[in-house]
C-alpha atoms as a PDB file:
ATOM      1  CA  MET A   1     -24.836  -2.957  35.756  1.00  0.00           C
ATOM      2  CA  SER A   2     -21.471  -4.330  36.817  1.00  0.00           C
ATOM      3  CA  ILE A   3     -22.216  -7.737  35.317  1.00  0.00           C
ATOM      4  CA  MET A   4     -23.292  -6.140  32.030  1.00  0.00           C
ATOM      5  CA  ARG A   5     -20.000  -4.214  31.842  1.00  0.00           C
ATOM      6  CA  LYS A   6     -18.027  -7.396  32.474  1.00  0.00           C
ATOM      7  CA  ILE A   7     -19.876  -9.238  29.710  1.00  0.00           C
ATOM      8  CA  THR A   8     -19.385  -6.343  27.286  1.00  0.00           C
ATOM      9  CA  ALA A   9     -15.683  -6.089  28.149  1.00  0.00           C
ATOM     10  CA  ALA A  10     -15.214  -9.842  27.719  1.00  0.00           C
ATOM     11  CA  ALA A  11     -16.974  -9.803  24.335  1.00  0.00           C
ATOM     12  CA  ALA A  12     -14.952  -6.815  23.120  1.00  0.00           C
ATOM     13  CA  GLY A  13     -11.734  -8.416  24.326  1.00  0.00           C
ATOM     14  CA  SER A  14     -12.571 -11.656  22.524  1.00  0.00           C
ATOM     15  CA  LEU A  15     -13.222  -9.811  19.256  1.00  0.00           C
ATOM     16  CA  PHE A  16      -9.948  -7.929  19.629  1.00  0.00           C
ATOM     17  CA  ILE A  17      -7.985 -11.160  20.159  1.00  0.00           C
ATOM     18  CA  ILE A  18      -9.685 -12.867  17.201  1.00  0.00           C
ATOM     19  CA  GLY A  19      -8.845  -9.877  14.989  1.00  0.00           C
ATOM     20  CA  ALA A  20      -5.230  -9.798  16.148  1.00  0.00           C
ATOM     21  CA  VAL A  21      -4.780 -13.492  15.405  1.00  0.00           C
ATOM     22  CA  ALA A  22      -6.466 -13.297  11.993  1.00  0.00           C
ATOM     23  CA  VAL A  23      -4.263 -10.506  10.627  1.00  0.00           C
ATOM     24  CA  PRO A  24      -0.929 -12.404  10.661  1.00  0.00           C
ATOM     25  CA  SER A  25      -2.446 -15.480   9.058  1.00  0.00           C
ATOM     26  CA  GLN A  26      -3.839 -13.362   6.224  1.00  0.00           C
ATOM     27  CA  ALA A  27      -0.436 -11.773   5.633  1.00  0.00           C
ATOM     28  CA  ALA A  28       1.252 -15.178   5.534  1.00  0.00           C
ATOM     29  CA  ARG A  29      -0.989 -16.342   2.696  1.00  0.00           C
ATOM     30  CA  ASN A  30      -0.030 -13.382   0.481  1.00  0.00           C
ATOM     31  CA  THR A  31       3.652 -14.392   0.343  1.00  0.00           C
ATOM     32  CA  THR A  32       4.161 -16.175  -2.972  1.00  0.00           C
ATOM     33  CA  PHE A  33       7.642 -15.224  -4.139  1.00  0.00           C
ATOM     34  CA  GLN A  34      11.145 -15.600  -2.763  1.00  0.00           C
ATOM     35  CA  ASP A  35      10.746 -18.937  -1.058  1.00  0.00           C
ATOM     36  CA  GLY A  36      14.032 -20.143  -2.550  1.00  0.00           C
ATOM     37  CA  LEU A  37      12.302 -22.728  -4.761  1.00  0.00           C
ATOM     38  CA  VAL A  38      11.746 -22.827  -8.521  1.00  0.00           C
ATOM     39  CA  ASN A  39      10.627 -25.276 -11.215  1.00  0.00           C
ATOM     40  CA  VAL A  40      12.892 -26.517 -14.007  1.00  0.00           C
ATOM     41  CA  ASN A  41      11.482 -27.342 -17.460  1.00  0.00           C
ATOM     42  CA  VAL A  42      13.001 -28.756 -20.622  1.00  0.00           C
ATOM     43  CA  GLY A  43      10.738 -27.753 -23.482  1.00  0.00           C
ATOM     44  CA  ASP A  44       7.190 -28.230 -22.239  1.00  0.00           C
ATOM     45  CA  VAL A  45       8.133 -30.954 -19.739  1.00  0.00           C
ATOM     46  CA  THR A  46       8.659 -30.108 -16.059  1.00  0.00           C
ATOM     47  CA  ILE A  47      11.662 -32.130 -14.924  1.00  0.00           C
ATOM     48  CA  LEU A  48      11.807 -30.783 -11.351  1.00  0.00           C
ATOM     49  CA  GLU A  49       9.294 -28.971  -9.170  1.00  0.00           C
ATOM     50  CA  ASP A  50      10.026 -26.923  -6.064  1.00  0.00           C
ATOM     51  CA  VAL A  51      13.795 -27.343  -6.305  1.00  0.00           C
ATOM     52  CA  ASN A  52      16.199 -25.096  -4.391  1.00  0.00           C
ATOM     53  CA  VAL A  53      17.697 -22.335  -6.561  1.00  0.00           C
ATOM     54  CA  ALA A  54      21.222 -23.547  -5.735  1.00  0.00           C
ATOM     55  CA  ALA A  55      20.431 -27.007  -7.125  1.00  0.00           C
ATOM     56  CA  VAL A  56      19.568 -25.517 -10.512  1.00  0.00           C
ATOM     57  CA  VAL A  57      23.275 -24.906 -11.208  1.00  0.00           C
ATOM     58  CA  GLY A  58      24.131 -28.612 -11.415  1.00  0.00           C
ATOM     59  CA  ILE A  59      20.979 -29.428 -13.333  1.00  0.00           C
ATOM     60  CA  ALA A  60      21.652 -26.711 -15.902  1.00  0.00           C
ATOM     61  CA  ALA A  61      25.248 -27.857 -16.354  1.00  0.00           C
ATOM     62  CA  ASN A  62      24.126 -31.447 -16.989  1.00  0.00           C
ATOM     63  CA  VAL A  63      21.272 -30.597 -19.344  1.00  0.00           C
ATOM     64  CA  CYS A  64      23.221 -27.937 -21.244  1.00  0.00           C
ATOM     65  CA  GLY A  65      26.337 -30.107 -21.501  1.00  0.00           C
ATOM     66  CA  VAL A  66      28.758 -27.625 -19.911  1.00  0.00           C
ATOM     67  CA  ASN A  67      31.035 -27.612 -16.871  1.00  0.00           C
ATOM     68  CA  VAL A  68      29.516 -26.315 -13.648  1.00  0.00           C
ATOM     69  CA  GLY A  69      32.297 -23.805 -12.893  1.00  0.00           C
ATOM     70  CA  PRO A  70      31.827 -21.415 -15.820  1.00  0.00           C
ATOM     71  CA  VAL A  71      28.021 -21.246 -15.518  1.00  0.00           C
ATOM     72  CA  ALA A  72      27.551 -21.435 -11.754  1.00  0.00           C
ATOM     73  CA  ALA A  73      27.266 -17.723 -10.947  1.00  0.00           C
ATOM     74  CA  ALA A  74      25.148 -16.914 -13.996  1.00  0.00           C
ATOM     75  CA  VAL A  75      22.663 -19.756 -13.450  1.00  0.00           C
ATOM     76  CA  LEU A  76      22.387 -19.067  -9.719  1.00  0.00           C
ATOM     77  CA  GLY A  77      21.725 -15.410 -10.481  1.00  0.00           C
ATOM     78  CA  GLU A  78      19.045 -16.292 -13.029  1.00  0.00           C
ATOM     79  CA  ALA A  79      17.343 -18.764 -10.670  1.00  0.00           C
ATOM     80  CA  THR A  80      17.359 -16.215  -7.850  1.00  0.00           C
ATOM     81  CA  ALA A  81      15.901 -13.574 -10.189  1.00  0.00           C
ATOM     82  CA  VAL A  82      13.099 -15.939 -11.227  1.00  0.00           C
ATOM     83  CA  ASP A  83      12.316 -16.658  -7.580  1.00  0.00           C
ATOM     84  CA  ALA A  84      12.169 -12.947  -6.771  1.00  0.00           C
ATOM     85  CA  SER A  85      10.329 -11.662  -9.842  1.00  0.00           C
ATOM     86  CA  GLY A  86       8.236 -14.617 -10.994  1.00  0.00           C
ATOM     87  CA  ARG A  87       9.392 -14.122 -14.593  1.00  0.00           C
ATOM     88  CA  ASP A  88      10.477 -17.220 -16.510  1.00  0.00           C
ATOM     89  CA  ARG A  89      14.079 -17.393 -17.742  1.00  0.00           C
ATOM     90  CA  THR A  90      15.554 -19.604 -20.447  1.00  0.00           C
ATOM     91  CA  ILE A  91      19.062 -20.721 -19.481  1.00  0.00           C
ATOM     92  CA  CYS A  92      20.210 -22.687 -22.528  1.00  0.00           C
ATOM     93  CA  GLU A  93      19.171 -25.351 -24.986  1.00  0.00           C
ATOM     94  CA  SER A  94      19.446 -28.995 -24.009  1.00  0.00           C
ATOM     95  CA  ALA A  95      22.549 -30.632 -25.477  1.00  0.00           C
ATOM     96  CA  ALA A  96      20.569 -33.823 -26.102  1.00  0.00           C
ATOM     97  CA  THR A  97      17.262 -32.546 -27.492  1.00  0.00           C
ATOM     98  CA  GLY A  98      17.747 -28.891 -28.423  1.00  0.00           C
ATOM     99  CA  GLU A  99      14.759 -27.947 -26.239  1.00  0.00           C
ATOM    100  CA  PRO A 100      15.091 -24.833 -24.039  1.00  0.00           C
ATOM    101  CA  LEU A 101      15.917 -25.249 -20.344  1.00  0.00           C
ATOM    102  CA  THR A 102      13.595 -22.837 -18.566  1.00  0.00           C
ATOM    103  CA  ILE A 103      13.352 -21.856 -14.902  1.00  0.00           C
ATOM    104  CA  THR A 104       9.902 -20.827 -13.648  1.00  0.00           C
ATOM    105  CA  GLN A 105       8.500 -19.650 -10.317  1.00  0.00           C
ATOM    106  CA  ASN A 106       6.952 -22.496  -8.331  1.00  0.00           C
END
């Protein structure tokens, strides 16, 4: 009977360890937002994928034809909001083409 108890305890312990390891990996896969990365589109063309939200400031200034200083806080705030919520935001219209500059969740 002692051997049977050891086998049962070992099997139960193995199942417990497998379950404990599986739970964190499942939780990690459910994280989709707030990774600090977004996509940048002009019209229907993606110009950058998985770019850091801070880098969007310079891109928006160049595409929109404005100085970085006046738009920096607003664009950074919009990019951060897109990363957190997943909702697309239009920043401006391209100075060259008139197409909208849009930030989307990656």
